[in-house]
């Protein structure tokens, strides 16, 4: 990207190893269009993404989630451990947490923002050796869509292994939250591996109305969805992309009462982020 600010340049330098920018530098290709400041989204959208990003970051398990909400006021105050950048969490409520099976170790939580009537579900990024092994398990397997026998979409096997360890647990927590707040919008967010979980979780909801799932995903069918994925790697093949697009289009048509915003997707990529070097399922 051209015309980055001094703060952005400093951030990229500090995150060089954490985001595997050296991989991107080695394997990058040149796009037809170079991003400039003219491509920036509006300030309101940037602010909203920063808020959802703060929720996503807390899913990584650096701090015990329940402990954060027990002392949220002091932690997010000036001079607090989290500080003012996390002041957006102050009026939120922690509704539930989930941790995948012993191998998956994928974790996340569900929160509610009353001022915006948002249920937020977050998924963590890679945090264990087993997850690292799944990240590089790039072989593909058929994505199960029983009601669409003509679809031969393939999903990244490693990501699918991680997701299967947590999908039903996450759905149960979100369904419980929706019982408390039936009119709330659902924000699905996460970073890196967590962003892939977001896409798979979203797709489960989109397909639930076809009988794809008759468990807690069915209880979520019809909710207004915002997908905010940060640094998502590729979750499947081209047919998987088409399945996501098709499911999104059908969902938007069925729930046109949301005014064309039944599903709103934001796929955020970091500059030369090696983890998201390949395109995600994003269709925007």
Protein backbone atom coordinates (compact mmCIF):
# COMPACT_ATOMS: atom_id res chain seq x y z
CA UNK A 1 0.00 0.00 0.00
CA UNK A 2 1.23 3.47 -0.83
CA UNK A 3 1.10 6.55 1.42
CA UNK A 4 1.05 4.68 4.71
CA UNK A 5 1.42 6.80 7.82
CA UNK A 6 4.49 6.77 10.08
CA UNK A 7 2.46 4.86 12.72
CA UNK A 8 1.52 2.21 10.16
CA UNK A 9 5.13 1.79 9.04
CA UNK A 10 6.21 1.36 12.66
CA UNK A 11 3.47 -1.22 13.23
CA UNK A 12 4.47 -3.22 10.15
CA UNK A 13 8.11 -3.26 11.26
CA UNK A 14 7.23 -4.39 14.78
CA UNK A 15 4.94 -7.17 13.51
CA UNK A 16 7.32 -8.42 10.85
CA UNK A 17 7.94 -11.84 12.44
CA UNK A 18 4.56 -12.30 14.13
CA UNK A 19 2.69 -11.97 10.86
CA UNK A 20 5.24 -13.92 8.78
CA UNK A 21 5.78 -10.94 6.48
CA UNK A 22 8.99 -12.54 5.23
CA UNK A 23 6.85 -15.31 3.68
CA UNK A 24 4.75 -12.73 1.90
CA UNK A 25 7.88 -10.95 0.71
CA UNK A 26 9.19 -14.20 -0.82
CA UNK A 27 5.95 -15.43 -2.38
CA UNK A 28 4.09 -12.24 -3.22
CA UNK A 29 2.78 -11.42 -6.66
CA UNK A 30 1.97 -7.96 -7.93
CA UNK A 31 -1.68 -6.95 -8.07
CA UNK A 32 -3.06 -4.96 -10.97
CA UNK A 33 -4.24 -2.31 -8.55
CA UNK A 34 -2.04 -0.76 -5.86
CA UNK A 35 -3.95 0.40 -2.82
CA UNK A 36 -3.68 4.05 -1.89
CA UNK A 37 -5.35 6.30 0.66
CA UNK A 38 -8.16 6.74 -1.86
CA UNK A 39 -9.13 3.11 -1.22
CA UNK A 40 -9.63 3.62 2.49
CA UNK A 41 -13.09 3.00 3.87
CA UNK A 42 -14.83 5.80 5.72
CA UNK A 43 -13.82 6.68 9.26
CA UNK A 44 -17.00 5.26 10.79
CA UNK A 45 -16.31 1.85 9.23
CA UNK A 46 -12.65 1.97 10.31
CA UNK A 47 -13.75 2.71 13.86
CA UNK A 48 -16.28 -0.11 13.85
CA UNK A 49 -13.71 -2.59 12.56
CA UNK A 50 -11.29 -1.46 15.28
CA UNK A 51 -13.97 -2.18 17.89
CA UNK A 52 -14.67 -5.66 16.56
CA UNK A 53 -10.92 -6.21 16.30
CA UNK A 54 -10.56 -5.46 20.02
CA UNK A 55 -13.10 -8.18 20.82
CA UNK A 56 -11.32 -10.58 18.44
CA UNK A 57 -7.95 -9.98 20.06
CA UNK A 58 -9.20 -10.92 23.52
CA UNK A 59 -10.16 -14.38 22.24
CA UNK A 60 -6.51 -15.43 21.99
CA UNK A 61 -6.35 -16.32 25.65
CA UNK A 62 -3.58 -13.94 26.72
CA UNK A 63 -5.90 -13.06 29.59
CA UNK A 64 -8.64 -15.10 31.21
CA UNK A 65 -11.80 -13.84 29.54
CA UNK A 66 -14.04 -14.01 32.59
CA UNK A 67 -11.46 -12.10 34.66
CA UNK A 68 -11.46 -9.27 32.12
CA UNK A 69 -15.20 -8.74 32.42
CA UNK A 70 -15.08 -8.97 36.19
CA UNK A 71 -12.83 -5.90 36.29
CA UNK A 72 -13.61 -4.32 32.93
CA UNK A 73 -13.93 -0.74 34.19
CA UNK A 74 -10.43 -0.49 35.68
CA UNK A 75 -8.73 -2.60 33.01
CA UNK A 76 -9.96 -0.35 30.18
CA UNK A 77 -9.44 2.97 31.96
CA UNK A 78 -6.42 5.23 31.25
CA UNK A 79 -3.41 3.53 32.81
CA UNK A 80 -5.23 0.22 33.07
CA UNK A 81 -3.76 -3.05 31.83
CA UNK A 82 -5.73 -2.91 28.58
CA UNK A 83 -6.06 0.85 28.41
CA UNK A 84 -8.25 3.22 26.45
CA UNK A 85 -8.05 1.36 23.10
CA UNK A 86 -10.34 -1.22 24.73
CA UNK A 87 -12.76 1.33 26.19
CA UNK A 88 -15.27 0.07 23.61
CA UNK A 89 -15.73 -3.02 25.79
CA UNK A 90 -16.93 -1.07 28.84
CA UNK A 91 -20.67 -1.43 28.37
CA UNK A 92 -20.52 -4.97 27.00
CA UNK A 93 -21.56 -8.13 28.81
CA UNK A 94 -19.86 -11.53 28.73
CA UNK A 95 -22.54 -14.16 28.02
CA UNK A 96 -20.56 -17.35 27.53
CA UNK A 97 -17.26 -19.02 26.71
CA UNK A 98 -16.25 -22.18 24.87
CA UNK A 99 -13.14 -24.30 24.42
CA UNK A 100 -12.81 -27.04 21.82
CA UNK A 101 -11.96 -30.65 22.54
CA UNK A 102 -8.56 -31.57 23.95
CA UNK A 103 -6.88 -31.69 20.56
CA UNK A 104 -8.55 -28.73 18.86
CA UNK A 105 -8.00 -26.31 21.74
CA UNK A 106 -9.86 -23.68 19.74
CA UNK A 107 -11.48 -21.16 22.08
CA UNK A 108 -13.75 -18.18 22.02
CA UNK A 109 -16.47 -16.32 23.81
CA UNK A 110 -19.83 -14.62 23.30
CA UNK A 111 -20.49 -11.04 24.39
CA UNK A 112 -23.34 -8.57 24.04
CA UNK A 113 -23.16 -4.83 23.30
CA UNK A 114 -26.48 -3.36 24.49
CA UNK A 115 -25.94 0.09 22.98
CA UNK A 116 -25.65 -1.47 19.52
CA UNK A 117 -27.81 -4.57 20.13
CA UNK A 118 -25.00 -6.84 18.93
CA UNK A 119 -24.16 -10.38 19.94
CA UNK A 120 -20.45 -10.90 19.25
CA UNK A 121 -18.93 -14.35 18.92
CA UNK A 122 -15.15 -14.55 18.62
CA UNK A 123 -12.72 -17.32 17.68
CA UNK A 124 -9.04 -17.47 18.64
CA UNK A 125 -6.06 -17.75 16.33
CA UNK A 126 -3.37 -20.43 16.36
CA UNK A 127 -2.17 -21.08 19.91
CA UNK A 128 -0.89 -24.68 20.08
CA UNK A 129 1.47 -27.03 18.26
CA UNK A 130 -1.44 -29.23 17.15
CA UNK A 131 -3.12 -26.21 15.59
CA UNK A 132 0.12 -25.32 13.80
CA UNK A 133 0.15 -28.82 12.32
CA UNK A 134 -3.44 -28.33 11.18
CA UNK A 135 -2.59 -24.96 9.65
CA UNK A 136 -0.13 -26.68 7.32
CA UNK A 137 -2.40 -29.67 6.67
CA UNK A 138 -3.50 -28.06 3.40
CA UNK A 139 -4.95 -31.21 1.78
CA UNK A 140 -8.60 -30.80 0.82
CA UNK A 141 -11.65 -32.91 1.62
CA UNK A 142 -15.27 -32.66 0.55
CA UNK A 143 -17.32 -30.16 2.49
CA UNK A 144 -20.50 -32.00 3.60
CA UNK A 145 -23.64 -30.45 2.14
CA UNK A 146 -26.23 -33.27 2.14
CA UNK A 147 -29.04 -31.23 0.54
CA UNK A 148 -26.85 -30.09 -2.38
CA UNK A 149 -25.60 -33.33 -3.89
CA UNK A 150 -24.28 -31.52 -6.99
CA UNK A 151 -21.89 -29.39 -4.91
CA UNK A 152 -18.35 -30.71 -4.75
CA UNK A 153 -16.82 -28.00 -2.60
CA UNK A 154 -13.61 -28.88 -0.81
CA UNK A 155 -12.48 -27.50 2.54
CA UNK A 156 -8.95 -27.20 3.98
CA UNK A 157 -8.60 -30.43 5.97
CA UNK A 158 -6.60 -28.98 8.85
CA UNK A 159 -8.93 -26.03 9.39
CA UNK A 160 -11.90 -28.39 9.19
CA UNK A 161 -10.36 -30.59 11.89
CA UNK A 162 -9.99 -27.60 14.21
CA UNK A 163 -13.48 -26.30 13.46
CA UNK A 164 -15.15 -29.64 14.16
CA UNK A 165 -13.71 -29.55 17.65
CA UNK A 166 -15.55 -26.35 18.49
CA UNK A 167 -18.46 -25.76 16.10
CA UNK A 168 -21.30 -27.25 18.17
CA UNK A 169 -20.02 -25.68 21.39
CA UNK A 170 -19.90 -22.25 19.79
CA UNK A 171 -23.34 -22.69 18.24
CA UNK A 172 -24.83 -23.63 21.61
CA UNK A 173 -23.40 -20.52 23.29
CA UNK A 174 -24.59 -18.22 20.50
CA UNK A 175 -28.05 -19.82 20.46
CA UNK A 176 -28.33 -19.24 24.20
CA UNK A 177 -27.35 -15.60 23.70
CA UNK A 178 -29.95 -15.19 20.98
CA UNK A 179 -32.64 -16.48 23.33
CA UNK A 180 -31.78 -13.58 25.62
CA UNK A 181 -31.55 -11.08 22.77
CA UNK A 182 -33.70 -12.39 19.88
CA UNK A 183 -33.57 -9.15 17.87
CA UNK A 184 -29.81 -8.64 18.12
CA UNK A 185 -27.47 -8.61 15.16
CA UNK A 186 -24.80 -11.34 15.19
CA UNK A 187 -21.18 -10.24 14.70
CA UNK A 188 -18.77 -13.11 13.95
CA UNK A 189 -15.13 -12.14 14.33
CA UNK A 190 -11.65 -13.60 14.70
CA UNK A 191 -8.06 -13.31 13.52
CA UNK A 192 -6.01 -15.67 11.32
CA UNK A 193 -7.10 -19.24 12.18
CA UNK A 194 -9.97 -17.62 14.08
CA UNK A 195 -11.02 -15.81 10.90
CA UNK A 196 -11.30 -19.14 9.08
CA UNK A 197 -13.50 -20.38 11.93
CA UNK A 198 -15.68 -17.31 11.32
CA UNK A 199 -16.26 -18.22 7.68
CA UNK A 200 -17.06 -21.85 8.49
CA UNK A 201 -19.37 -20.84 11.34
CA UNK A 202 -21.13 -18.31 9.12
CA UNK A 203 -21.58 -20.89 6.36
CA UNK A 204 -23.14 -23.32 8.86
CA UNK A 205 -25.75 -20.69 9.69
CA UNK A 206 -26.40 -19.80 6.05
CA UNK A 207 -27.05 -23.45 5.18
CA UNK A 208 -29.05 -24.31 8.30
CA UNK A 209 -32.38 -23.45 6.69
CA UNK A 210 -31.94 -26.29 4.20
CA UNK A 211 -31.81 -28.92 6.91
CA UNK A 212 -28.03 -28.92 6.79
CA UNK A 213 -28.12 -28.64 10.59
CA UNK A 214 -31.05 -29.36 12.89
CA UNK A 215 -29.22 -28.48 16.09
CA UNK A 216 -28.38 -25.03 17.47
CA UNK A 217 -27.45 -23.72 14.02
CA UNK A 218 -31.11 -24.04 13.12
CA UNK A 219 -31.93 -21.68 15.99
CA UNK A 220 -29.59 -19.10 14.46
CA UNK A 221 -31.06 -19.26 10.97
CA UNK A 222 -32.57 -15.89 10.15
CA UNK A 223 -30.29 -13.76 12.30
CA UNK A 224 -28.73 -10.69 10.70
CA UNK A 225 -25.02 -11.45 10.26
CA UNK A 226 -21.93 -9.28 10.21
CA UNK A 227 -18.72 -11.15 9.40
CA UNK A 228 -15.54 -9.31 10.41
CA UNK A 229 -12.57 -11.55 9.56
CA UNK A 230 -9.03 -10.33 10.18
CA UNK A 231 -6.17 -11.93 8.20
CA UNK A 232 -8.03 -15.01 7.04
CA UNK A 233 -6.12 -17.67 5.06
CA UNK A 234 -7.88 -19.61 2.31
CA UNK A 235 -10.48 -21.96 3.81
CA UNK A 236 -11.29 -24.01 0.72
CA UNK A 237 -11.17 -24.29 -3.05
CA UNK A 238 -12.97 -22.28 -5.74
CA UNK A 239 -16.09 -24.41 -5.38
CA UNK A 240 -16.13 -23.54 -1.68
CA UNK A 241 -16.07 -19.87 -2.64
CA UNK A 242 -19.00 -20.39 -4.97
CA UNK A 243 -20.91 -22.25 -2.26
CA UNK A 244 -20.36 -19.37 0.15
CA UNK A 245 -21.50 -16.84 -2.45
CA UNK A 246 -24.55 -18.89 -3.36
CA UNK A 247 -25.55 -19.43 0.27
CA UNK A 248 -25.08 -15.73 1.01
CA UNK A 249 -27.19 -14.68 -1.97
CA UNK A 250 -30.00 -17.06 -1.04
CA UNK A 251 -29.93 -15.89 2.57
CA UNK A 252 -30.11 -12.24 1.53
CA UNK A 253 -33.04 -12.94 -0.77
CA UNK A 254 -34.93 -14.88 1.87
CA UNK A 255 -34.39 -12.26 4.57
CA UNK A 256 -34.87 -9.15 2.46
CA UNK A 257 -36.49 -7.48 5.47
CA UNK A 258 -32.95 -6.51 6.51
CA UNK A 259 -32.79 -4.14 3.56
CA UNK A 260 -30.02 -5.90 1.68
CA UNK A 261 -27.86 -6.28 4.79
CA UNK A 262 -28.80 -9.77 5.95
CA UNK A 263 -25.13 -10.67 5.55
CA UNK A 264 -22.44 -8.02 5.67
CA UNK A 265 -18.85 -9.14 5.19
CA UNK A 266 -15.58 -7.41 6.02
CA UNK A 267 -12.38 -9.28 5.19
CA UNK A 268 -9.44 -7.27 6.54
CA UNK A 269 -5.92 -8.04 5.33
CA UNK A 270 -2.71 -6.76 6.86
CA UNK A 271 0.02 -5.38 4.65
CA UNK A 272 2.20 -8.33 3.56
CA UNK A 273 0.56 -10.59 6.11
CA UNK A 274 1.98 -14.04 5.35
CA UNK A 275 -0.85 -15.78 7.19
CA UNK A 276 -3.43 -14.34 4.79
CA UNK A 277 -1.24 -14.38 1.71
CA UNK A 278 -3.75 -16.47 -0.21
CA UNK A 279 -7.24 -15.15 -0.83
CA UNK A 280 -9.92 -16.02 1.71
CA UNK A 281 -13.52 -16.91 0.95
CA UNK A 282 -14.25 -13.19 0.85
CA UNK A 283 -16.36 -12.16 -2.11
CA UNK A 284 -16.08 -8.41 -1.53
